Amino acid sequence: MPDILLRAAAHVLTMDDAGSEPADTDILLRDGVIAAIGRDLHAPGAEIVQARGCLVTPGLVNTHHHLFQTLTRAVPGAQDAALFGWLRTLYPVWARMGPEELRVSALTGLAELALSGCTLSSDHLYLYPNGARLDDTIDAAREIGLRFHPTRGAMSIGESAGGLPPDSLVEDEAAILEDCIRVVDAFHDAAPGAMIRVGIAPCSPFSVSRALMRDAALLARDKGVMLHTHLAENDEDVAYSRATFGCRPGEYAEELGWTGPDVWHAHCVRLDAPEIDLFARTRTGIAHCPCSNCRLGSGIAPVRALRDAGVPVGLGVDGSASNDAGNLVAEARMAMLLQRVAHGPGAMSAREALRLTTRGGAEVLGRDDLGQVVPGMRADLALWDLTGAESAGSWDPAALLLAGPMRVRDLFVEGRQVVRDGHLATLDLPRVLERQRDLARGLARA
């Protein structure tokens, strides 16, 4: 792979410990790593990418998604429902999917993320209808060229046993654990610079048993992989935990081994002060999903309190059936605005929100090899063109979330160009979208 020299970037948000923001700077990418940063760098034979007029940031990190949901955006009957009603509407639709639906929806969702500056995405796949497997989404990520942290999700308690999902979408718990072992052994790479890491992720406390939650934690630690689930998403979720388990969601997680730096929970909108303290003490991570939380009316997560307590926080777009979009810049802007609505205009700056989307997300996913524009870090970079109408008149080039584009000009992952001049360089996106529309129409007709 040839060296790449980004020439004369107007401004660089490094996200390093010192908060460095160099201007008029070159960045040299070599062998998948940031080799050097400085003015007038020399790299004979390197491919030159002119970065004049551009802001450079670390690649954005998405800590929570359900990629299969890109086939079920804006579904009538689910558009105005809260979480549990929304799920009951969509479960029968999702039950009609199969391997092709999962693969095409993953290609579409990852393409949308890439165009919004994302270089690393997690995915929480918790249903496997009609022969679908986690492998289908991993193949999609490899084709498009993004880093990927898929999680082997699961549901094991159906309606007949008092759970929320229909029985057709639940699995036998022994088979779930067996497939978790299979996908970790087949795909997980613990090495620095890994393109694929795998997590274990029972869907939620209301769709799996206490035994599966405990066994999943034991298995993940035996395999050295991370754990992920939904927690305390809304008032219904907390009420279910109290009624079923006799405790709050955070207490339930702690009891079953679901706290620690190898665990991250999605949403956590309704954590109380003792739960926030628990997560801070144990370094348990959180994927904050503000747009989805607004769309479903779940509430405003206590991100300011979480950050002040020292809880690791990243951002996630959540599924495209509850967000209807997969744009991480829009997610970061919403995170910033909601904290200001809740706590005043000084509650979260544009830089802090962008930090959550870069270094914060990397920390939540256990990636100390990326999330900063620093020599030695992986060459995952987003270039934002500040010469357009969105940034015109801006006095602060780093205030991307206040006045800046919502899509990248260029995107590099492990030093390879995935987006060039605003278009995907690794995928025939129009062809994929045509197939996506056909599959969505088929689900709607059925």
Protein backbone atom coordinates (compact mmCIF):
# COMPACT_ATOMS: atom_id res chain seq x y z
CA MET A 1 0.00 0.00 0.00
CA PRO A 2 1.58 3.34 -1.02
CA ASP A 3 2.12 6.18 1.42
CA ILE A 4 -0.52 8.92 1.42
CA LEU A 5 0.30 12.52 2.23
CA LEU A 6 -2.56 14.81 3.21
CA ARG A 7 -1.24 18.21 2.20
CA ALA A 8 -1.97 21.50 3.98
CA ALA A 9 -5.05 20.64 6.04
CA ALA A 10 -6.62 23.91 7.17
CA HIS A 11 -7.24 22.64 10.71
CA VAL A 12 -6.75 19.36 12.60
CA LEU A 13 -8.74 18.31 15.64
CA THR A 14 -6.30 15.77 17.08
CA MET A 15 -8.32 14.76 20.19
CA ASP A 16 -5.00 14.21 21.96
CA ASP A 17 -4.55 14.75 25.71
CA ALA A 18 -3.43 18.34 25.21
CA GLY A 19 -6.30 19.24 22.89
CA SER A 20 -3.88 20.18 20.10
CA GLU A 21 -5.39 21.78 17.00
CA PRO A 22 -2.64 22.49 14.46
CA ALA A 23 -3.40 24.54 11.33
CA ASP A 24 -1.99 24.38 7.78
CA THR A 25 -0.60 20.94 8.51
CA ASP A 26 0.43 17.84 6.55
CA ILE A 27 -0.35 14.29 7.70
CA LEU A 28 1.59 11.27 6.43
CA LEU A 29 -0.11 7.86 6.36
CA ARG A 30 2.11 4.79 6.07
CA ASP A 31 1.27 1.08 6.44
CA GLY A 32 -2.10 1.83 8.00
CA VAL A 33 -0.67 4.15 10.66
CA ILE A 34 -0.31 7.91 11.08
CA ALA A 35 3.44 8.26 10.51
CA ALA A 36 3.96 12.01 10.94
CA ILE A 37 2.18 15.34 11.38
CA GLY A 38 3.76 18.70 10.55
CA ARG A 39 4.31 21.36 7.94
CA ASP A 40 6.06 20.69 4.65
CA LEU A 41 6.50 16.95 5.16
CA HIS A 42 8.47 15.11 2.47
CA ALA A 43 7.39 11.65 1.32
CA PRO A 44 8.86 10.69 -2.08
CA GLY A 45 6.48 8.47 -4.03
CA ALA A 46 3.50 9.17 -1.77
CA GLU A 47 0.05 9.80 -3.19
CA ILE A 48 -0.77 13.46 -2.52
CA VAL A 49 -4.27 14.36 -1.31
CA GLN A 50 -4.83 18.11 -1.19
CA ALA A 51 -6.52 19.00 2.10
CA ARG A 52 -6.63 22.80 1.72
CA GLY A 53 -9.84 24.18 3.13
CA CYS A 54 -10.51 20.97 5.05
CA LEU A 55 -10.90 20.11 8.71
CA VAL A 56 -9.33 16.76 9.62
CA THR A 57 -10.72 14.74 12.53
CA PRO A 58 -10.24 11.20 13.73
CA GLY A 59 -12.68 8.83 12.04
CA LEU A 60 -15.99 8.79 13.88
CA VAL A 61 -16.92 5.73 15.97
CA ASN A 62 -20.44 4.33 16.16
CA THR A 63 -20.96 2.36 19.37
CA HIS A 64 -24.50 1.06 18.76
CA HIS A 65 -26.44 0.10 15.64
CA HIS A 66 -28.92 -2.46 14.32
CA LEU A 67 -27.94 -2.52 10.67
CA PHE A 68 -30.74 -4.89 9.63
CA GLN A 69 -33.23 -2.11 10.37
CA THR A 70 -32.24 -0.03 7.33
CA LEU A 71 -34.92 -2.03 5.49
CA THR A 72 -37.66 -0.85 7.86
CA ARG A 73 -37.47 2.93 8.08
CA ALA A 74 -40.62 4.97 8.73
CA VAL A 75 -42.90 1.91 8.97
CA PRO A 76 -46.55 2.90 9.49
CA GLY A 77 -47.76 1.80 12.91
CA ALA A 78 -44.27 2.17 14.36
CA GLN A 79 -43.67 5.84 13.55
CA ASP A 80 -45.35 7.19 16.68
CA ALA A 81 -44.98 4.31 19.16
CA ALA A 82 -42.90 4.01 22.32
CA LEU A 83 -40.28 1.27 22.62
CA PHE A 84 -42.39 -1.79 23.48
CA GLY A 85 -45.19 -0.98 21.03
CA TRP A 86 -42.63 -0.13 18.36
CA LEU A 87 -40.99 -3.53 18.83
CA ARG A 88 -44.28 -5.43 18.71
CA THR A 89 -45.10 -3.75 15.40
CA LEU A 90 -41.76 -4.55 13.79
CA TYR A 91 -40.95 -8.04 15.08
CA PRO A 92 -43.27 -9.76 12.53
CA VAL A 93 -41.69 -7.78 9.69
CA TRP A 94 -38.15 -8.65 10.77
CA ALA A 95 -39.16 -12.32 11.02
CA ARG A 96 -39.57 -12.36 7.22
CA MET A 97 -35.94 -11.35 6.57
CA GLY A 98 -33.13 -13.69 5.58
CA PRO A 99 -29.40 -13.68 4.69
CA GLU A 100 -29.71 -11.37 1.69
CA GLU A 101 -31.77 -8.82 3.60
CA LEU A 102 -29.18 -8.74 6.38
CA ARG A 103 -26.27 -8.37 4.00
CA VAL A 104 -27.82 -5.66 1.82
CA SER A 105 -29.13 -3.71 4.80
CA ALA A 106 -25.65 -3.85 6.35
CA LEU A 107 -24.06 -2.56 3.14
CA THR A 108 -26.56 0.29 3.03
CA GLY A 109 -26.19 1.20 6.70
CA LEU A 110 -22.41 1.08 6.62
CA ALA A 111 -22.32 3.17 3.46
CA GLU A 112 -24.48 5.80 5.14
CA LEU A 113 -22.16 5.79 8.14
CA ALA A 114 -19.04 6.08 5.99
CA LEU A 115 -20.44 9.11 4.19
CA SER A 116 -21.00 10.73 7.59
CA GLY A 117 -17.36 10.20 8.59
CA CYS A 118 -17.59 6.88 10.44
CA THR A 119 -14.57 4.57 10.26
CA LEU A 120 -15.55 2.05 12.98
CA SER A 121 -19.03 0.77 13.71
CA SER A 122 -20.38 -1.75 16.11
CA ASP A 123 -23.55 -3.67 15.28
CA HIS A 124 -26.00 -5.43 17.59
CA LEU A 125 -27.61 -8.25 15.61
CA TYR A 126 -30.00 -10.11 17.90
CA LEU A 127 -32.27 -11.97 15.46
CA TYR A 128 -31.39 -14.58 12.85
CA PRO A 129 -34.47 -15.46 10.78
CA ASN A 130 -34.53 -17.91 7.89
CA GLY A 131 -30.89 -18.97 7.99
CA ALA A 132 -29.33 -15.53 8.54
CA ARG A 133 -26.01 -15.40 10.40
CA LEU A 134 -23.64 -12.80 11.80
CA ASP A 135 -21.34 -13.73 8.91
CA ASP A 136 -23.68 -11.91 6.50
CA THR A 137 -22.97 -8.52 8.08
CA ILE A 138 -19.25 -9.22 8.48
CA ASP A 139 -19.03 -9.91 4.74
CA ALA A 140 -20.69 -6.54 4.09
CA ALA A 141 -18.23 -4.67 6.32
CA ARG A 142 -15.28 -6.31 4.58
CA GLU A 143 -16.64 -5.31 1.18
CA ILE A 144 -17.13 -1.68 2.11
CA GLY A 145 -13.84 -1.44 4.05
CA LEU A 146 -14.95 -0.14 7.45
CA ARG A 147 -13.68 -1.39 10.78
CA PHE A 148 -16.39 -3.50 12.34
CA HIS A 149 -17.29 -4.63 15.85
CA PRO A 150 -20.30 -6.92 15.33
CA THR A 151 -21.91 -8.47 18.38
CA ARG A 152 -23.60 -11.84 18.44
CA GLY A 153 -26.94 -10.85 19.94
CA ALA A 154 -29.77 -13.17 20.89
CA MET A 155 -33.33 -13.47 22.17
CA SER A 156 -34.41 -16.59 24.05
CA ILE A 157 -37.70 -15.75 25.81
CA GLY A 158 -40.68 -15.46 23.47
CA GLU A 159 -44.25 -14.39 24.04
CA SER A 160 -45.36 -17.81 25.21
CA ALA A 161 -42.84 -17.61 28.07
CA GLY A 162 -43.71 -14.05 29.06
CA GLY A 163 -41.17 -12.27 26.85
CA LEU A 164 -41.73 -9.53 24.30
CA PRO A 165 -40.58 -11.08 20.98
CA PRO A 166 -42.65 -13.65 19.05
CA ASP A 167 -41.60 -17.25 19.54
CA SER A 168 -40.47 -17.46 15.89
CA LEU A 169 -37.57 -15.09 16.61
CA VAL A 170 -36.15 -16.68 19.76
CA GLU A 171 -33.40 -19.29 19.91
CA ASP A 172 -32.41 -22.14 22.20
CA GLU A 173 -29.91 -20.86 24.74
CA ALA A 174 -27.43 -23.70 24.28
CA ALA A 175 -27.43 -23.04 20.52
CA ILE A 176 -26.89 -19.32 21.16
CA LEU A 177 -23.80 -19.95 23.25
CA GLU A 178 -22.48 -22.47 20.74
CA ASP A 179 -22.79 -19.95 17.89
CA CYS A 180 -21.16 -17.26 20.02
CA ILE A 181 -18.13 -19.52 20.34
CA ARG A 182 -18.18 -20.17 16.58
CA VAL A 183 -18.20 -16.52 15.51
CA VAL A 184 -15.59 -15.44 18.07
CA ASP A 185 -13.25 -18.24 17.00
CA ALA A 186 -13.86 -17.51 13.31
CA PHE A 187 -13.67 -13.72 13.21
CA HIS A 188 -12.38 -12.02 16.37
CA ASP A 189 -8.99 -10.33 16.06
CA ALA A 190 -7.50 -8.95 19.27
CA ALA A 191 -4.39 -7.48 17.60
CA PRO A 192 -3.79 -3.71 17.33
CA GLY A 193 -5.20 -2.41 14.07
CA ALA A 194 -7.78 -5.21 13.89
CA MET A 195 -10.48 -4.69 11.28
CA ILE A 196 -12.90 -7.14 12.92
CA ARG A 197 -13.59 -7.68 16.59
CA VAL A 198 -16.57 -9.63 17.88
CA GLY A 199 -18.65 -9.13 21.02
CA ILE A 200 -21.32 -11.16 22.80
CA ALA A 201 -24.65 -9.38 23.24
CA PRO A 202 -27.88 -10.90 24.60
CA CYS A 203 -30.50 -8.43 23.41
CA SER A 204 -32.00 -7.09 26.64
CA PRO A 205 -33.20 -8.12 30.10
CA PHE A 206 -36.76 -8.51 28.74
CA SER A 207 -35.86 -10.95 25.94
CA VAL A 208 -33.33 -13.37 27.50
CA SER A 209 -33.10 -15.30 30.75
CA ARG A 210 -31.04 -14.50 33.79
CA ALA A 211 -29.06 -17.69 33.10
CA LEU A 212 -28.15 -16.60 29.57
CA MET A 213 -27.00 -13.19 30.78
CA ARG A 214 -24.74 -14.82 33.35
CA ASP A 215 -23.44 -17.51 30.98
CA ALA A 216 -22.75 -14.92 28.26
CA ALA A 217 -20.62 -12.90 30.68
CA LEU A 218 -18.65 -15.97 31.68
CA LEU A 219 -18.12 -16.96 28.05
CA ALA A 220 -17.05 -13.47 26.98
CA ARG A 221 -14.42 -13.31 29.70
CA ASP A 222 -13.17 -16.76 28.87
CA LYS A 223 -12.78 -15.69 25.24
CA GLY A 224 -11.44 -12.21 26.00
CA VAL A 225 -14.18 -10.34 24.13
CA MET A 226 -16.53 -7.52 25.11
CA LEU A 227 -20.15 -7.64 26.29
CA HIS A 228 -23.02 -5.49 25.07
CA THR A 229 -26.77 -5.15 25.70
CA HIS A 230 -29.59 -2.61 26.08
CA LEU A 231 -30.21 -1.20 29.54
CA ALA A 232 -32.56 1.29 31.22
CA GLU A 233 -33.79 2.64 27.90
CA ASN A 234 -37.06 4.13 29.14
CA ASP A 235 -39.52 4.07 32.05
CA GLU A 236 -41.15 0.84 30.80
CA ASP A 237 -37.74 -0.83 30.81
CA VAL A 238 -37.09 0.17 34.44
CA ALA A 239 -40.61 -0.89 35.48
CA TYR A 240 -40.10 -4.30 33.85
CA SER A 241 -36.84 -4.77 35.75
CA ARG A 242 -38.44 -3.87 39.06
CA ALA A 243 -41.45 -6.12 38.48
CA THR A 244 -39.54 -9.10 37.08
CA PHE A 245 -36.21 -9.02 38.91
CA GLY A 246 -37.04 -6.98 41.99
CA CYS A 247 -34.29 -4.44 41.34
CA ARG A 248 -33.24 -1.60 39.07
CA PRO A 249 -31.46 -2.33 35.77
CA GLY A 250 -28.02 -1.32 37.06
CA GLU A 251 -28.36 -3.63 40.06
CA TYR A 252 -29.42 -6.46 37.75
CA ALA A 253 -26.37 -5.86 35.54
CA GLU A 254 -24.01 -5.84 38.51
CA GLU A 255 -25.48 -9.04 39.95
CA LEU A 256 -24.91 -10.95 36.70
CA GLY A 257 -21.38 -9.71 36.00
CA TRP A 258 -22.37 -7.08 33.47
CA THR A 259 -20.18 -4.24 34.71
CA GLY A 260 -16.53 -3.50 33.97
CA PRO A 261 -14.32 -2.01 31.26
CA ASP A 262 -15.17 -4.92 28.96
CA VAL A 263 -18.89 -4.06 29.02
CA TRP A 264 -20.86 -1.33 27.30
CA HIS A 265 -24.61 -0.76 27.55
CA ALA A 266 -26.83 1.01 25.02
CA HIS A 267 -29.07 3.95 25.97
CA CYS A 268 -29.05 4.11 29.80
CA VAL A 269 -31.54 6.98 29.63
CA ARG A 270 -32.99 6.20 33.07
CA LEU A 271 -29.91 5.47 35.17
CA ASP A 272 -30.15 6.96 38.66
CA ALA A 273 -27.32 8.43 40.76
CA PRO A 274 -26.21 5.13 42.41
CA GLU A 275 -26.14 3.42 38.99
CA ILE A 276 -24.05 6.25 37.54
CA ASP A 277 -21.64 5.85 40.44
CA LEU A 278 -21.52 2.08 39.84
CA PHE A 279 -20.68 2.56 36.17
CA ALA A 280 -18.02 5.14 37.01
CA ARG A 281 -16.33 2.90 39.62
CA THR A 282 -16.33 -0.12 37.31
CA ARG A 283 -15.50 1.82 34.09
CA THR A 284 -18.58 0.38 32.41
CA GLY A 285 -19.21 2.07 29.05
CA ILE A 286 -22.35 3.60 27.59
CA ALA A 287 -23.52 4.03 23.99
CA HIS A 288 -25.59 7.22 24.02
CA CYS A 289 -28.20 7.29 21.21
CA PRO A 290 -29.86 10.71 21.39
CA CYS A 291 -31.80 10.72 18.09
CA SER A 292 -33.41 7.33 18.75
CA ASN A 293 -34.17 8.33 22.34
CA CYS A 294 -35.98 11.41 20.99
CA ARG A 295 -37.78 9.50 18.23
CA LEU A 296 -39.19 6.92 20.69
CA GLY A 297 -39.85 9.49 23.40
CA SER A 298 -37.56 7.68 25.82
CA GLY A 299 -36.08 10.81 27.38
CA ILE A 300 -32.77 12.64 27.65
CA ALA A 301 -29.91 10.50 28.95
CA PRO A 302 -27.91 12.00 31.86
CA VAL A 303 -24.79 12.44 29.75
CA ARG A 304 -23.51 15.48 31.64
CA ALA A 305 -23.70 13.58 34.94
CA LEU A 306 -22.14 10.49 33.35
CA ARG A 307 -19.24 12.48 31.94
CA ASP A 308 -18.67 14.37 35.17
CA ALA A 309 -18.60 11.10 37.11
CA GLY A 310 -16.02 9.62 34.73
CA VAL A 311 -18.21 7.06 32.95
CA PRO A 312 -16.88 6.19 29.45
CA VAL A 313 -19.45 7.49 26.93
CA GLY A 314 -19.59 7.10 23.17
CA LEU A 315 -22.34 7.80 20.64
CA GLY A 316 -24.48 5.42 18.63
CA VAL A 317 -27.02 5.99 15.87
CA ASP A 318 -29.10 2.98 17.01
CA GLY A 319 -31.23 1.19 14.44
CA SER A 320 -32.57 2.89 11.35
CA ALA A 321 -36.11 1.90 12.32
CA SER A 322 -35.94 4.02 15.49
CA ASN A 323 -33.63 6.78 14.26
CA ASP A 324 -34.47 6.63 10.55
CA ALA A 325 -30.96 7.90 9.82
CA GLY A 326 -27.40 6.74 10.34
CA ASN A 327 -25.45 9.99 10.36
CA LEU A 328 -22.97 10.33 13.22
CA VAL A 329 -22.50 14.06 12.75
CA ALA A 330 -26.25 14.53 13.20
CA GLU A 331 -26.05 12.27 16.27
CA ALA A 332 -23.26 14.31 17.82
CA ARG A 333 -25.10 17.58 17.18
CA MET A 334 -28.23 16.17 18.82
CA ALA A 335 -26.22 14.99 21.83
CA MET A 336 -24.84 18.50 22.26
CA LEU A 337 -28.23 20.19 21.86
CA LEU A 338 -30.08 17.88 24.24
CA GLN A 339 -27.61 18.45 27.06
CA ARG A 340 -28.02 22.19 26.52
CA VAL A 341 -31.80 21.87 26.62
CA ALA A 342 -31.55 19.93 29.87
CA HIS A 343 -28.76 21.84 31.62
CA GLY A 344 -28.12 25.16 29.87
CA PRO A 345 -26.01 26.42 26.96
CA GLY A 346 -22.69 25.62 28.64
CA ALA A 347 -23.58 21.98 29.31
CA MET A 348 -21.76 20.58 26.26
CA SER A 349 -19.51 22.24 23.70
CA ALA A 350 -19.22 21.28 20.05
CA ARG A 351 -15.71 19.98 20.72
CA GLU A 352 -16.81 17.78 23.63
CA ALA A 353 -19.64 16.27 21.59
CA LEU A 354 -17.24 15.53 18.74
CA ARG A 355 -14.81 14.01 21.22
CA LEU A 356 -17.55 11.60 22.35
CA THR A 357 -17.96 10.61 18.70
CA THR A 358 -14.25 9.93 18.16
CA ARG A 359 -11.97 9.19 21.10
CA GLY A 360 -14.91 8.53 23.42
CA GLY A 361 -16.34 5.86 21.14
CA ALA A 362 -12.93 4.26 20.69
CA GLU A 363 -12.50 4.05 24.46
CA VAL A 364 -15.94 2.49 24.92
CA LEU A 365 -15.10 -0.20 22.34
CA GLY A 366 -11.73 -0.91 23.94
CA ARG A 367 -9.70 0.57 21.08
CA ASP A 368 -6.64 2.40 22.40
CA ASP A 369 -5.11 2.26 18.91
CA LEU A 370 -7.42 4.82 17.30
CA GLY A 371 -9.61 7.84 17.99
CA GLN A 372 -6.81 10.44 17.84
CA VAL A 373 -4.84 12.12 15.06
CA VAL A 374 -1.49 11.33 16.63
CA PRO A 375 1.61 9.60 15.19
CA GLY A 376 1.44 5.90 15.94
CA MET A 377 -2.36 5.75 15.89
CA ARG A 378 -4.19 3.90 13.12
CA ALA A 379 -4.76 5.94 9.99
CA ASP A 380 -8.53 6.38 10.37
CA LEU A 381 -9.25 9.97 9.31
CA ALA A 382 -12.17 12.08 8.10
CA LEU A 383 -11.72 15.16 5.91
CA TRP A 384 -14.49 17.77 6.03
CA ASP A 385 -14.66 20.41 3.30
CA LEU A 386 -15.15 23.79 4.98
CA THR A 387 -15.43 25.76 1.73
CA GLY A 388 -19.14 25.07 1.20
CA ALA A 389 -22.25 26.96 2.17
CA GLU A 390 -22.62 25.12 5.51
CA SER A 391 -19.40 26.61 6.89
CA ALA A 392 -19.52 29.99 5.16
CA GLY A 393 -19.00 32.75 7.70
CA SER A 394 -17.84 30.44 10.49
CA TRP A 395 -15.14 31.97 12.69
CA ASP A 396 -14.15 28.61 14.19
CA PRO A 397 -13.24 25.83 11.74
CA ALA A 398 -13.29 23.22 14.50
CA ALA A 399 -16.90 23.96 15.45
CA LEU A 400 -18.07 21.37 12.95
CA LEU A 401 -21.29 20.62 14.82
CA LEU A 402 -22.33 24.26 14.87
CA ALA A 403 -21.45 25.22 11.30
CA GLY A 404 -20.16 22.51 9.04
CA PRO A 405 -20.99 19.82 6.50
CA MET A 406 -22.90 16.69 7.47
CA ARG A 407 -20.97 14.49 5.01
CA VAL A 408 -17.25 13.94 4.54
CA ARG A 409 -15.25 14.80 1.48
CA ASP A 410 -12.72 11.99 2.05
CA LEU A 411 -12.49 9.09 4.48
CA PHE A 412 -9.50 6.85 5.24
CA VAL A 413 -9.64 3.57 7.15
CA GLU A 414 -6.33 1.89 7.97
CA GLY A 415 -4.81 4.25 5.41
CA ARG A 416 -7.12 3.10 2.61
CA GLN A 417 -9.50 5.58 0.97
CA VAL A 418 -13.12 4.53 1.45
CA VAL A 419 -14.76 7.85 0.48
CA ARG A 420 -13.29 10.07 -2.24
CA ASP A 421 -14.76 13.47 -3.13
CA GLY A 422 -17.98 12.65 -1.33
CA HIS A 423 -18.54 9.28 -3.00
CA LEU A 424 -17.85 5.75 -1.87
CA ALA A 425 -14.69 4.43 -3.49
CA THR A 426 -15.17 0.78 -2.51
CA LEU A 427 -18.77 0.04 -3.46
CA ASP A 428 -21.22 0.50 -6.33
CA LEU A 429 -23.70 2.23 -4.04
CA PRO A 430 -26.47 2.89 -6.62
CA ARG A 431 -26.62 -0.85 -7.36
CA VAL A 432 -26.85 -1.68 -3.65
CA LEU A 433 -29.56 0.93 -3.06
CA GLU A 434 -31.63 -0.40 -5.96
CA ARG A 435 -31.57 -3.86 -4.39
CA GLN A 436 -32.30 -2.33 -0.98
CA ARG A 437 -35.44 -0.67 -2.33
CA ASP A 438 -36.59 -3.93 -3.95
CA LEU A 439 -36.16 -5.85 -0.69
CA ALA A 440 -37.93 -3.15 1.34
CA ARG A 441 -40.86 -3.14 -1.08
CA GLY A 442 -41.07 -6.91 -0.79
CA LEU A 443 -41.27 -6.73 3.00
CA ALA A 444 -43.93 -4.02 2.77
CA ARG A 445 -46.06 -6.01 0.31
CA ALA A 446 -45.91 -9.09 2.53
